[in-house]
Protein backbone atom coordinates (compact mmCIF):
# COMPACT_ATOMS: atom_id res chain seq x y z
CA MET A 1 -4.27 -3.86 -1.40
CA THR A 2 -5.00 -2.52 2.04
CA GLY A 3 -2.63 -2.07 4.93
CA GLU A 4 -3.76 -5.20 6.74
CA LYS A 5 -3.13 -7.37 3.68
CA ILE A 6 0.30 -5.89 3.21
CA GLY A 7 1.02 -6.48 6.88
CA LEU A 8 0.06 -10.14 6.52
CA VAL A 9 2.26 -10.50 3.44
CA VAL A 10 5.21 -8.93 5.26
CA ILE A 11 4.75 -11.21 8.29
CA THR A 12 4.33 -14.26 6.06
CA LEU A 13 7.50 -13.50 4.10
CA GLU A 14 9.48 -12.90 7.28
CA ARG A 15 8.27 -16.20 8.79
CA TYR A 16 9.02 -18.02 5.53
CA PHE A 17 12.62 -16.81 5.43
CA LYS A 18 13.10 -17.48 9.13
CA ILE A 19 11.92 -21.10 8.79
CA VAL A 20 13.09 -22.11 5.31
CA HIS A 21 16.35 -20.16 5.25
CA ALA A 22 17.17 -20.16 8.97
CA ILE A 23 20.94 -19.77 8.68
CA ALA A 24 20.75 -16.95 6.15
CA HIS A 25 18.04 -15.29 8.25
CA ARG A 26 20.22 -15.37 11.37
CA LYS A 27 23.21 -14.12 9.42
CA HIS A 28 21.56 -11.29 7.47
CA TYR A 29 18.41 -10.20 9.36
CA ARG A 30 18.77 -6.88 11.22
CA ASP A 31 16.58 -4.80 13.55
CA TRP A 32 16.01 -2.12 10.91
CA MET A 33 14.27 -4.74 8.77
CA THR A 34 11.67 -5.28 11.50
CA LYS A 35 11.11 -1.54 11.74
CA MET A 36 10.64 -1.30 7.99
CA ALA A 37 8.23 -4.24 8.05
CA LEU A 38 6.13 -2.34 10.58
CA ALA A 39 6.25 0.88 8.57
CA ILE A 40 5.47 -0.53 5.10
CA PRO A 41 1.72 -1.24 5.68
CA TRP A 42 1.21 2.22 7.19
CA ILE A 43 3.03 3.97 4.35
CA SER A 44 1.19 1.91 1.75
CA GLY A 45 -2.20 2.64 3.29
CA PHE A 46 -1.42 6.34 3.42
CA CYS A 47 -0.23 6.42 -0.20
CA THR A 48 -3.11 4.38 -1.60
CA HIS A 49 -6.00 6.01 0.29
CA VAL A 50 -5.20 9.32 1.95
CA ILE A 51 -3.16 11.00 -0.78
CA PRO A 52 -5.63 10.18 -3.61
CA SER A 53 -8.59 11.34 -1.51
CA ILE A 54 -6.85 14.66 -0.85
CA ILE A 55 -5.94 15.11 -4.51
CA ALA A 56 -9.30 14.01 -5.92
CA THR A 57 -11.59 15.97 -3.59
CA LYS A 58 -12.88 19.34 -4.67
CA ALA A 59 -15.00 21.64 -2.49
CA VAL A 60 -17.90 23.22 -4.39
CA PRO A 61 -20.07 25.71 -2.45
CA GLY A 62 -23.70 24.55 -2.27
CA GLN A 63 -22.98 21.10 -3.71
CA CYS A 64 -21.87 17.74 -2.43
CA PRO A 65 -19.74 16.34 -5.27
CA LYS A 66 -18.83 12.70 -5.23
CA TRP A 67 -15.25 11.67 -4.53
CA GLY A 68 -13.12 11.31 -7.62
CA VAL A 69 -12.68 14.72 -9.24
CA TRP A 70 -9.18 14.30 -10.59
CA PRO A 71 -7.19 17.39 -11.57
CA SER A 72 -5.81 15.65 -14.65
CA GLU A 73 -6.65 12.67 -16.79
CA ASP A 74 -3.10 11.33 -16.38
CA GLY A 75 -3.43 11.26 -12.59
CA LEU A 76 -6.61 9.20 -12.89
CA LYS A 77 -4.89 6.75 -15.27
CA VAL A 78 -1.94 6.28 -12.89
CA TYR A 79 -4.33 5.70 -9.98
CA ASN A 80 -6.38 3.15 -11.94
CA VAL A 81 -3.32 1.25 -13.20
CA HIS A 82 -1.97 1.16 -9.66
CA PHE A 83 -5.15 -0.49 -8.35
CA VAL A 84 -5.36 -2.93 -11.27
CA ILE A 85 -1.81 -4.09 -10.53
CA LEU A 86 -2.48 -4.36 -6.79
CA GLY A 87 -5.74 -6.21 -7.43
CA TRP A 88 -3.97 -8.63 -9.74
CA MET A 89 -1.24 -9.23 -7.16
CA THR A 90 -3.67 -9.95 -4.33
CA LYS A 91 -6.56 -11.53 -6.27
CA SER A 92 -9.05 -10.18 -3.72
């Protein structure tokens, strides 16, 4: 799931609660929640794309290796499970 999809989900959920549960929204919604809703897509995008590309990139002199050289087999499994779960959640 990319940052823009997460942003749309966050906006959709906020609109849903504001319309369907208007009284509870007015009573419980705070400014920090809006700030978190803005930060979540950025944090998610960073965690799902930047961190794995830094971890899985290896510089080899004289060669141009493809992306995806994982330092451990367990790290690759965690990354793959993460994207299977996100793909299942978004059905994209």
